[in-house]
Amino acid sequence: MKIDFHTHIYPDHVAVRTIAAVRQRAGIEAHTDGTLKGLKRSMTAAGIDISVVAAVATRPEQVSSIHCWLGGIRQPGIETMATTHPSNPLKSEQIKSLKRRGFKGFKLHPDYQHFFVDDFRMYPFYEAAAAEGMFILFHAGMDRGLPYPVHATPKRLAAVHEAVPRLCMIAAHLGGEEAYEETVAHLLGKDLYLDTSFVLRKMPRLFLERIFREHPPDKLLFASDSPWTDQREELNFLLQLPFLSVQDQEKICFSNAARLLGREA
């Protein structure tokens, strides 16, 4: 079994223009058409059994409709993450309701959502999510084509972890593209997850090997960031890394994610 913990798709009627907009802004190519069907074709080609889909609310009024859409696409092989907006973070009862609806965690993108990850406004939400045993996947580091400042640096993410240690945190992009030294300084070895999305084949080999050797294998997650990388190429690259044992591969590609999704055998 293989799980990709970080993917993106869009409703069919907006997928083409959304893909085009991101391609133009960020200068990156898409490897699917951005639809659910496109993701499922990619999964079949890659030998991936489950993909976890993330969506982000850029306006507070989008949150409810996004959750309806995410709930509607959940099916065998497709899991989804909830979201919130920093101008009106979800309260405890709303989080409990989402948990009852089958959501296991949340995705936040501080650059798109215009908040610093350690903003005091967000701590009640972090505490409430932690109380329900739900994870939060944070976009980490820069995002190509978006202006500075970076809102979720490894140092800021470490501050959140220190302030809310019981929160199950996942830092995407192995702590952040182009933030590898800061990841090593502030996140390496901490009791939080790092996912491999987007940067796996792009980061300097020195940092890649150090992170995989020194961060607990129980706290690493295979993730592609599809459609912005090719799932098959990302998975094959990971499985060929010479410094990962078979046991490490199994944890990173399946059992760690299965635990977070409540799919343990």
C-alpha atoms as a PDB file:
ATOM      1  CA  MET A   1       0.000   0.000   0.000  1.00  0.00           C
ATOM      2  CA  LYS A   2       1.156   3.521  -0.839  1.00  0.00           C
ATOM      3  CA  ILE A   3      -0.339   6.813   0.389  1.00  0.00           C
ATOM      4  CA  ASP A   4       0.353  10.249  -1.084  1.00  0.00           C
ATOM      5  CA  PHE A   5      -0.381  12.665   1.747  1.00  0.00           C
ATOM      6  CA  HIS A   6      -0.432  15.977  -0.168  1.00  0.00           C
ATOM      7  CA  THR A   7      -2.277  16.438  -3.463  1.00  0.00           C
ATOM      8  CA  HIS A   8      -4.470  19.067  -5.084  1.00  0.00           C
ATOM      9  CA  ILE A   9      -7.463  18.876  -7.380  1.00  0.00           C
ATOM     10  CA  TYR A  10     -10.117  21.397  -8.338  1.00  0.00           C
ATOM     11  CA  PRO A  11     -13.794  21.257  -9.302  1.00  0.00           C
ATOM     12  CA  ASP A  12     -14.101  20.292 -12.953  1.00  0.00           C
ATOM     13  CA  HIS A  13     -15.531  23.652 -14.019  1.00  0.00           C
ATOM     14  CA  VAL A  14     -12.540  25.634 -12.696  1.00  0.00           C
ATOM     15  CA  ALA A  15      -9.692  23.138 -13.061  1.00  0.00           C
ATOM     16  CA  VAL A  16      -8.436  24.347 -16.450  1.00  0.00           C
ATOM     17  CA  ARG A  17      -8.221  28.002 -15.504  1.00  0.00           C
ATOM     18  CA  THR A  18      -6.822  27.265 -12.032  1.00  0.00           C
ATOM     19  CA  ILE A  19      -4.039  25.136 -13.481  1.00  0.00           C
ATOM     20  CA  ALA A  20      -3.288  27.837 -16.059  1.00  0.00           C
ATOM     21  CA  ALA A  21      -3.197  30.568 -13.408  1.00  0.00           C
ATOM     22  CA  VAL A  22      -0.767  28.686 -11.158  1.00  0.00           C
ATOM     23  CA  ARG A  23       1.403  27.730 -14.128  1.00  0.00           C
ATOM     24  CA  GLN A  24       1.657  31.377 -15.162  1.00  0.00           C
ATOM     25  CA  ARG A  25       2.280  32.671 -11.630  1.00  0.00           C
ATOM     26  CA  ALA A  26       4.722  30.056 -10.427  1.00  0.00           C
ATOM     27  CA  GLY A  27       6.330  28.946 -13.673  1.00  0.00           C
ATOM     28  CA  ILE A  28       5.724  25.262 -12.976  1.00  0.00           C
ATOM     29  CA  GLU A  29       4.135  22.602 -15.144  1.00  0.00           C
ATOM     30  CA  ALA A  30       1.160  20.475 -14.166  1.00  0.00           C
ATOM     31  CA  HIS A  31       1.316  16.686 -14.496  1.00  0.00           C
ATOM     32  CA  THR A  32      -2.457  16.118 -14.436  1.00  0.00           C
ATOM     33  CA  ASP A  33      -5.399  18.196 -15.632  1.00  0.00           C
ATOM     34  CA  GLY A  34      -6.230  19.117 -12.029  1.00  0.00           C
ATOM     35  CA  THR A  35      -9.430  17.073 -11.870  1.00  0.00           C
ATOM     36  CA  LEU A  36     -10.398  14.114  -9.700  1.00  0.00           C
ATOM     37  CA  LYS A  37     -10.326  11.838 -12.745  1.00  0.00           C
ATOM     38  CA  GLY A  38      -6.877  13.128 -13.627  1.00  0.00           C
ATOM     39  CA  LEU A  39      -5.588  12.405 -10.132  1.00  0.00           C
ATOM     40  CA  LYS A  40      -7.002   8.886 -10.211  1.00  0.00           C
ATOM     41  CA  ARG A  41      -5.294   8.201 -13.547  1.00  0.00           C
ATOM     42  CA  SER A  42      -2.030   9.436 -12.047  1.00  0.00           C
ATOM     43  CA  MET A  43      -2.483   7.224  -8.988  1.00  0.00           C
ATOM     44  CA  THR A  44      -3.037   4.163 -11.154  1.00  0.00           C
ATOM     45  CA  ALA A  45       0.106   4.888 -13.155  1.00  0.00           C
ATOM     46  CA  ALA A  46       2.132   5.424  -9.967  1.00  0.00           C
ATOM     47  CA  GLY A  47       0.784   2.491  -7.973  1.00  0.00           C
ATOM     48  CA  ILE A  48      -0.586   4.795  -5.277  1.00  0.00           C
ATOM     49  CA  ASP A  49      -3.561   3.460  -3.338  1.00  0.00           C
ATOM     50  CA  ILE A  50      -4.713   6.578  -1.465  1.00  0.00           C
ATOM     51  CA  SER A  51      -4.258  10.281  -2.155  1.00  0.00           C
ATOM     52  CA  VAL A  52      -5.056  12.933   0.427  1.00  0.00           C
ATOM     53  CA  VAL A  53      -6.525  16.060  -1.176  1.00  0.00           C
ATOM     54  CA  ALA A  54      -5.991  19.541   0.245  1.00  0.00           C
ATOM     55  CA  ALA A  55      -7.893  22.733  -0.518  1.00  0.00           C
ATOM     56  CA  VAL A  56      -7.475  26.184   1.010  1.00  0.00           C
ATOM     57  CA  ALA A  57     -10.027  28.925   1.679  1.00  0.00           C
ATOM     58  CA  THR A  58      -8.739  32.328   0.578  1.00  0.00           C
ATOM     59  CA  ARG A  59     -11.926  34.016   1.826  1.00  0.00           C
ATOM     60  CA  PRO A  60     -13.859  33.118   4.980  1.00  0.00           C
ATOM     61  CA  GLU A  61     -17.138  32.689   3.110  1.00  0.00           C
ATOM     62  CA  GLN A  62     -15.578  29.853   1.092  1.00  0.00           C
ATOM     63  CA  VAL A  63     -15.002  27.548   4.052  1.00  0.00           C
ATOM     64  CA  SER A  64     -18.426  25.903   4.168  1.00  0.00           C
ATOM     65  CA  SER A  65     -18.690  25.271   0.420  1.00  0.00           C
ATOM     66  CA  ILE A  66     -15.146  23.895   0.300  1.00  0.00           C
ATOM     67  CA  HIS A  67     -16.012  21.430   3.045  1.00  0.00           C
ATOM     68  CA  CYS A  68     -19.132  20.351   1.157  1.00  0.00           C
ATOM     69  CA  TRP A  69     -17.087  19.754  -1.988  1.00  0.00           C
ATOM     70  CA  LEU A  70     -14.322  17.930  -0.119  1.00  0.00           C
ATOM     71  CA  GLY A  71     -16.855  15.722   1.629  1.00  0.00           C
ATOM     72  CA  GLY A  72     -18.481  14.941  -1.701  1.00  0.00           C
ATOM     73  CA  ILE A  73     -15.314  13.729  -3.411  1.00  0.00           C
ATOM     74  CA  ARG A  74     -14.178  11.499  -0.550  1.00  0.00           C
ATOM     75  CA  GLN A  75     -14.330   7.882  -1.725  1.00  0.00           C
ATOM     76  CA  PRO A  76     -12.216   4.720  -1.678  1.00  0.00           C
ATOM     77  CA  GLY A  77      -8.709   5.887  -2.533  1.00  0.00           C
ATOM     78  CA  ILE A  78      -9.430   9.569  -1.909  1.00  0.00           C
ATOM     79  CA  GLU A  79      -9.173  11.232   1.504  1.00  0.00           C
ATOM     80  CA  THR A  80      -9.635  14.956   2.095  1.00  0.00           C
ATOM     81  CA  MET A  81      -8.480  17.568   4.589  1.00  0.00           C
ATOM     82  CA  ALA A  82     -10.622  20.359   6.013  1.00  0.00           C
ATOM     83  CA  THR A  83      -9.571  24.000   6.165  1.00  0.00           C
ATOM     84  CA  THR A  84     -10.337  27.246   7.969  1.00  0.00           C
ATOM     85  CA  HIS A  85      -9.708  30.946   7.400  1.00  0.00           C
ATOM     86  CA  PRO A  86      -7.613  33.107   9.752  1.00  0.00           C
ATOM     87  CA  SER A  87     -10.116  35.959   9.813  1.00  0.00           C
ATOM     88  CA  ASN A  88     -12.673  33.633  11.418  1.00  0.00           C
ATOM     89  CA  PRO A  89     -10.988  30.448  12.656  1.00  0.00           C
ATOM     90  CA  LEU A  90     -13.248  27.501  13.352  1.00  0.00           C
ATOM     91  CA  LYS A  91     -14.411  27.066  16.923  1.00  0.00           C
ATOM     92  CA  SER A  92     -14.397  23.877  18.958  1.00  0.00           C
ATOM     93  CA  GLU A  93     -17.949  22.786  18.078  1.00  0.00           C
ATOM     94  CA  GLN A  94     -17.320  23.356  14.371  1.00  0.00           C
ATOM     95  CA  ILE A  95     -14.151  21.276  14.563  1.00  0.00           C
ATOM     96  CA  LYS A  96     -16.033  18.499  16.344  1.00  0.00           C
ATOM     97  CA  SER A  97     -18.664  18.589  13.593  1.00  0.00           C
ATOM     98  CA  LEU A  98     -16.021  18.222  10.889  1.00  0.00           C
ATOM     99  CA  LYS A  99     -14.507  15.300  12.756  1.00  0.00           C
ATOM    100  CA  ARG A 100     -17.929  13.620  12.843  1.00  0.00           C
ATOM    101  CA  ARG A 101     -18.137  14.170   9.078  1.00  0.00           C
ATOM    102  CA  GLY A 102     -14.972  12.139   8.607  1.00  0.00           C
ATOM    103  CA  PHE A 103     -12.255  14.785   8.393  1.00  0.00           C
ATOM    104  CA  LYS A 104      -9.036  13.787  10.162  1.00  0.00           C
ATOM    105  CA  GLY A 105      -7.176  17.076   9.880  1.00  0.00           C
ATOM    106  CA  PHE A 106      -6.726  20.469   8.241  1.00  0.00           C
ATOM    107  CA  LYS A 107      -4.611  22.156   5.579  1.00  0.00           C
ATOM    108  CA  LEU A 108      -3.502  25.771   5.980  1.00  0.00           C
ATOM    109  CA  HIS A 109      -1.515  27.879   3.523  1.00  0.00           C
ATOM    110  CA  PRO A 110      -0.375  30.997   5.402  1.00  0.00           C
ATOM    111  CA  ASP A 111       0.940  32.725   2.261  1.00  0.00           C
ATOM    112  CA  TYR A 112      -2.314  32.374   0.333  1.00  0.00           C
ATOM    113  CA  GLN A 113      -4.323  33.134   3.474  1.00  0.00           C
ATOM    114  CA  HIS A 114      -2.192  36.102   4.544  1.00  0.00           C
ATOM    115  CA  PHE A 115      -1.377  35.239   8.146  1.00  0.00           C
ATOM    116  CA  PHE A 116       1.788  34.394  10.019  1.00  0.00           C
ATOM    117  CA  VAL A 117       1.635  30.854  11.304  1.00  0.00           C
ATOM    118  CA  ASP A 118       2.485  31.967  14.848  1.00  0.00           C
ATOM    119  CA  ASP A 119      -0.145  34.736  14.877  1.00  0.00           C
ATOM    120  CA  PHE A 120      -1.828  34.769  18.296  1.00  0.00           C
ATOM    121  CA  ARG A 121      -5.268  34.715  16.611  1.00  0.00           C
ATOM    122  CA  MET A 122      -4.665  31.148  15.485  1.00  0.00           C
ATOM    123  CA  TYR A 123      -3.714  29.566  18.792  1.00  0.00           C
ATOM    124  CA  PRO A 124      -7.287  28.870  19.983  1.00  0.00           C
ATOM    125  CA  PHE A 125      -7.871  27.024  16.704  1.00  0.00           C
ATOM    126  CA  TYR A 126      -4.640  25.064  17.115  1.00  0.00           C
ATOM    127  CA  GLU A 127      -5.590  24.136  20.671  1.00  0.00           C
ATOM    128  CA  ALA A 128      -9.097  23.081  19.632  1.00  0.00           C
ATOM    129  CA  ALA A 129      -7.792  20.932  16.773  1.00  0.00           C
ATOM    130  CA  ALA A 130      -5.284  19.332  19.132  1.00  0.00           C
ATOM    131  CA  ALA A 131      -8.025  18.598  21.654  1.00  0.00           C
ATOM    132  CA  GLU A 132      -9.873  16.611  18.975  1.00  0.00           C
ATOM    133  CA  GLY A 133      -6.742  14.729  17.934  1.00  0.00           C
ATOM    134  CA  MET A 134      -6.779  16.289  14.464  1.00  0.00           C
ATOM    135  CA  PHE A 135      -3.625  17.129  12.537  1.00  0.00           C
ATOM    136  CA  ILE A 136      -2.785  20.360  10.724  1.00  0.00           C
ATOM    137  CA  LEU A 137      -0.766  20.285   7.518  1.00  0.00           C
ATOM    138  CA  PHE A 138       0.961  23.635   7.071  1.00  0.00           C
ATOM    139  CA  HIS A 139       2.389  24.881   3.812  1.00  0.00           C
ATOM    140  CA  ALA A 140       5.967  25.663   4.823  1.00  0.00           C
ATOM    141  CA  GLY A 141       8.528  27.974   3.300  1.00  0.00           C
ATOM    142  CA  MET A 142       8.195  30.081   0.181  1.00  0.00           C
ATOM    143  CA  ASP A 143       5.651  29.501  -2.560  1.00  0.00           C
ATOM    144  CA  ARG A 144       6.857  30.140  -6.082  1.00  0.00           C
ATOM    145  CA  GLY A 145       5.407  33.313  -7.541  1.00  0.00           C
ATOM    146  CA  LEU A 146       3.954  34.629  -4.294  1.00  0.00           C
ATOM    147  CA  PRO A 147       5.458  37.790  -2.794  1.00  0.00           C
ATOM    148  CA  TYR A 148       7.479  37.884   0.390  1.00  0.00           C
ATOM    149  CA  PRO A 149       7.367  37.717   3.359  1.00  0.00           C
ATOM    150  CA  VAL A 150       7.211  33.984   3.933  1.00  0.00           C
ATOM    151  CA  HIS A 151       4.455  33.433   6.492  1.00  0.00           C
ATOM    152  CA  ALA A 152       5.365  29.901   7.640  1.00  0.00           C
ATOM    153  CA  THR A 153       9.107  29.681   8.091  1.00  0.00           C
ATOM    154  CA  PRO A 154      10.616  26.709   9.932  1.00  0.00           C
ATOM    155  CA  LYS A 155      11.428  29.018  12.836  1.00  0.00           C
ATOM    156  CA  ARG A 156       7.806  30.186  13.122  1.00  0.00           C
ATOM    157  CA  LEU A 157       6.535  26.613  12.835  1.00  0.00           C
ATOM    158  CA  ALA A 158       8.892  25.599  15.633  1.00  0.00           C
ATOM    159  CA  ALA A 159       7.402  28.372  17.768  1.00  0.00           C
ATOM    160  CA  VAL A 160       3.919  26.930  17.223  1.00  0.00           C
ATOM    161  CA  HIS A 161       5.163  23.464  18.140  1.00  0.00           C
ATOM    162  CA  GLU A 162       6.724  24.792  21.328  1.00  0.00           C
ATOM    163  CA  ALA A 163       3.562  26.697  22.276  1.00  0.00           C
ATOM    164  CA  VAL A 164       1.124  23.857  21.446  1.00  0.00           C
ATOM    165  CA  PRO A 165       3.184  20.672  21.806  1.00  0.00           C
ATOM    166  CA  ARG A 166       0.181  18.340  21.693  1.00  0.00           C
ATOM    167  CA  LEU A 167      -0.854  19.608  18.250  1.00  0.00           C
ATOM    168  CA  CYS A 168      -0.082  17.075  15.529  1.00  0.00           C
ATOM    169  CA  MET A 169       1.785  19.290  13.060  1.00  0.00           C
ATOM    170  CA  ILE A 170       2.893  18.450   9.538  1.00  0.00           C
ATOM    171  CA  ALA A 171       5.307  20.838   7.833  1.00  0.00           C
ATOM    172  CA  ALA A 172       4.994  20.481   4.075  1.00  0.00           C
ATOM    173  CA  HIS A 173       7.876  20.571   1.607  1.00  0.00           C
ATOM    174  CA  LEU A 174      10.340  19.101   4.146  1.00  0.00           C
ATOM    175  CA  GLY A 175      10.083  22.345   6.086  1.00  0.00           C
ATOM    176  CA  GLY A 176      10.053  24.652   3.081  1.00  0.00           C
ATOM    177  CA  GLU A 177      11.599  25.096  -0.345  1.00  0.00           C
ATOM    178  CA  GLU A 178      14.815  27.110  -0.084  1.00  0.00           C
ATOM    179  CA  ALA A 179      14.590  26.941   3.741  1.00  0.00           C
ATOM    180  CA  TYR A 180      16.630  23.800   4.214  1.00  0.00           C
ATOM    181  CA  GLU A 181      19.224  25.226   6.605  1.00  0.00           C
ATOM    182  CA  GLU A 182      16.447  26.718   8.728  1.00  0.00           C
ATOM    183  CA  THR A 183      14.629  23.378   8.726  1.00  0.00           C
ATOM    184  CA  VAL A 184      17.746  21.632  10.002  1.00  0.00           C
ATOM    185  CA  ALA A 185      18.198  24.289  12.687  1.00  0.00           C
ATOM    186  CA  HIS A 186      14.610  24.463  13.948  1.00  0.00           C
ATOM    187  CA  LEU A 187      12.596  21.380  12.934  1.00  0.00           C
ATOM    188  CA  LEU A 188      14.956  18.452  12.540  1.00  0.00           C
ATOM    189  CA  GLY A 189      14.374  15.816  15.197  1.00  0.00           C
ATOM    190  CA  LYS A 190      11.295  17.533  16.642  1.00  0.00           C
ATOM    191  CA  ASP A 191       8.082  15.648  17.413  1.00  0.00           C
ATOM    192  CA  LEU A 192       6.340  16.791  14.246  1.00  0.00           C
ATOM    193  CA  TYR A 193       5.920  15.453  10.747  1.00  0.00           C
ATOM    194  CA  LEU A 194       7.654  16.575   7.564  1.00  0.00           C
ATOM    195  CA  ASP A 195       6.161  15.765   4.182  1.00  0.00           C
ATOM    196  CA  THR A 196       8.188  15.374   1.002  1.00  0.00           C
ATOM    197  CA  SER A 197       5.899  17.339  -1.331  1.00  0.00           C
ATOM    198  CA  PHE A 198       7.386  19.222  -4.286  1.00  0.00           C
ATOM    199  CA  VAL A 199      10.975  19.463  -3.017  1.00  0.00           C
ATOM    200  CA  LEU A 200      11.985  15.797  -2.917  1.00  0.00           C
ATOM    201  CA  ARG A 201      13.847  15.824  -6.244  1.00  0.00           C
ATOM    202  CA  LYS A 202      14.743  19.519  -6.114  1.00  0.00           C
ATOM    203  CA  MET A 203      16.535  20.046  -2.810  1.00  0.00           C
ATOM    204  CA  PRO A 204      20.318  19.679  -2.491  1.00  0.00           C
ATOM    205  CA  ARG A 205      21.294  16.081  -1.847  1.00  0.00           C
ATOM    206  CA  LEU A 206      23.253  17.051   1.265  1.00  0.00           C
ATOM    207  CA  PHE A 207      20.125  18.366   2.990  1.00  0.00           C
ATOM    208  CA  LEU A 208      17.914  15.584   1.665  1.00  0.00           C
ATOM    209  CA  GLU A 209      20.144  12.896   3.123  1.00  0.00           C
ATOM    210  CA  ARG A 210      20.601  14.719   6.411  1.00  0.00           C
ATOM    211  CA  ILE A 211      16.854  15.177   6.920  1.00  0.00           C
ATOM    212  CA  PHE A 212      16.080  11.542   6.119  1.00  0.00           C
ATOM    213  CA  ARG A 213      18.886  10.270   8.328  1.00  0.00           C
ATOM    214  CA  GLU A 214      18.291  12.548  11.326  1.00  0.00           C
ATOM    215  CA  HIS A 215      14.519  13.103  11.446  1.00  0.00           C
ATOM    216  CA  PRO A 216      12.595  10.184  12.985  1.00  0.00           C
ATOM    217  CA  PRO A 217      11.342   7.844  10.225  1.00  0.00           C
ATOM    218  CA  ASP A 218       8.049   7.659  12.132  1.00  0.00           C
ATOM    219  CA  LYS A 219       7.611  11.384  11.382  1.00  0.00           C
ATOM    220  CA  LEU A 220       8.150  11.475   7.611  1.00  0.00           C
ATOM    221  CA  LEU A 221       5.385  11.317   5.006  1.00  0.00           C
ATOM    222  CA  PHE A 222       5.561  10.646   1.298  1.00  0.00           C
ATOM    223  CA  ALA A 223       3.767  13.432  -0.547  1.00  0.00           C
ATOM    224  CA  SER A 224       3.919  14.624  -4.141  1.00  0.00           C
ATOM    225  CA  ASP A 225       2.054  17.960  -4.339  1.00  0.00           C
ATOM    226  CA  SER A 226       0.345  16.574  -7.456  1.00  0.00           C
ATOM    227  CA  PRO A 227      -0.394  17.980 -10.005  1.00  0.00           C
ATOM    228  CA  TRP A 228       2.760  20.052  -9.499  1.00  0.00           C
ATOM    229  CA  THR A 229       4.978  16.985  -9.600  1.00  0.00           C
ATOM    230  CA  ASP A 230       4.481  13.562 -11.147  1.00  0.00           C
ATOM    231  CA  GLN A 231       3.376  11.030  -8.536  1.00  0.00           C
ATOM    232  CA  ARG A 232       5.132   8.104 -10.201  1.00  0.00           C
ATOM    233  CA  GLU A 233       8.441   9.937 -10.552  1.00  0.00           C
ATOM    234  CA  GLU A 234       8.324  11.178  -6.958  1.00  0.00           C
ATOM    235  CA  LEU A 235       7.539   7.754  -5.529  1.00  0.00           C
ATOM    236  CA  ASN A 236      10.164   5.972  -7.619  1.00  0.00           C
ATOM    237  CA  PHE A 237      12.796   8.516  -6.593  1.00  0.00           C
ATOM    238  CA  LEU A 238      11.990   8.023  -2.912  1.00  0.00           C
ATOM    239  CA  LEU A 239      12.068   4.235  -3.157  1.00  0.00           C
ATOM    240  CA  GLN A 240      15.508   4.338  -4.778  1.00  0.00           C
ATOM    241  CA  LEU A 241      17.179   6.440  -2.078  1.00  0.00           C
ATOM    242  CA  PRO A 242      20.053   4.251  -0.845  1.00  0.00           C
ATOM    243  CA  PHE A 243      19.957   5.503   2.730  1.00  0.00           C
ATOM    244  CA  LEU A 244      16.372   4.349   3.408  1.00  0.00           C
ATOM    245  CA  SER A 245      15.766   0.852   4.713  1.00  0.00           C
ATOM    246  CA  VAL A 246      12.777  -1.228   3.640  1.00  0.00           C
ATOM    247  CA  GLN A 247      11.261  -0.491   7.036  1.00  0.00           C
ATOM    248  CA  ASP A 248      11.798   3.245   6.534  1.00  0.00           C
ATOM    249  CA  GLN A 249      10.146   3.082   3.116  1.00  0.00           C
ATOM    250  CA  GLU A 250       7.107   1.316   4.548  1.00  0.00           C
ATOM    251  CA  LYS A 251       6.691   3.913   7.279  1.00  0.00           C
ATOM    252  CA  ILE A 252       7.174   6.904   4.979  1.00  0.00           C
ATOM    253  CA  CYS A 253       5.006   5.603   2.144  1.00  0.00           C
ATOM    254  CA  PHE A 254       2.223   3.987   4.145  1.00  0.00           C
ATOM    255  CA  SER A 255       2.058   3.337   7.864  1.00  0.00           C
ATOM    256  CA  ASN A 256       2.760   6.871   9.130  1.00  0.00           C
ATOM    257  CA  ALA A 257       0.014   8.259   6.903  1.00  0.00           C
ATOM    258  CA  ALA A 258      -2.322   5.375   7.711  1.00  0.00           C
ATOM    259  CA  ARG A 259      -1.958   6.173  11.401  1.00  0.00           C
ATOM    260  CA  LEU A 260      -2.907   9.826  10.833  1.00  0.00           C
ATOM    261  CA  LEU A 261      -5.896   8.796   8.724  1.00  0.00           C
ATOM    262  CA  GLY A 262      -7.108   6.185  11.195  1.00  0.00           C
ATOM    263  CA  ARG A 263      -6.397   3.395   8.698  1.00  0.00           C
ATOM    264  CA  GLU A 264      -4.012   1.312  10.773  1.00  0.00           C
ATOM    265  CA  ALA A 265      -4.288  -2.429  10.207  1.00  0.00           C
END
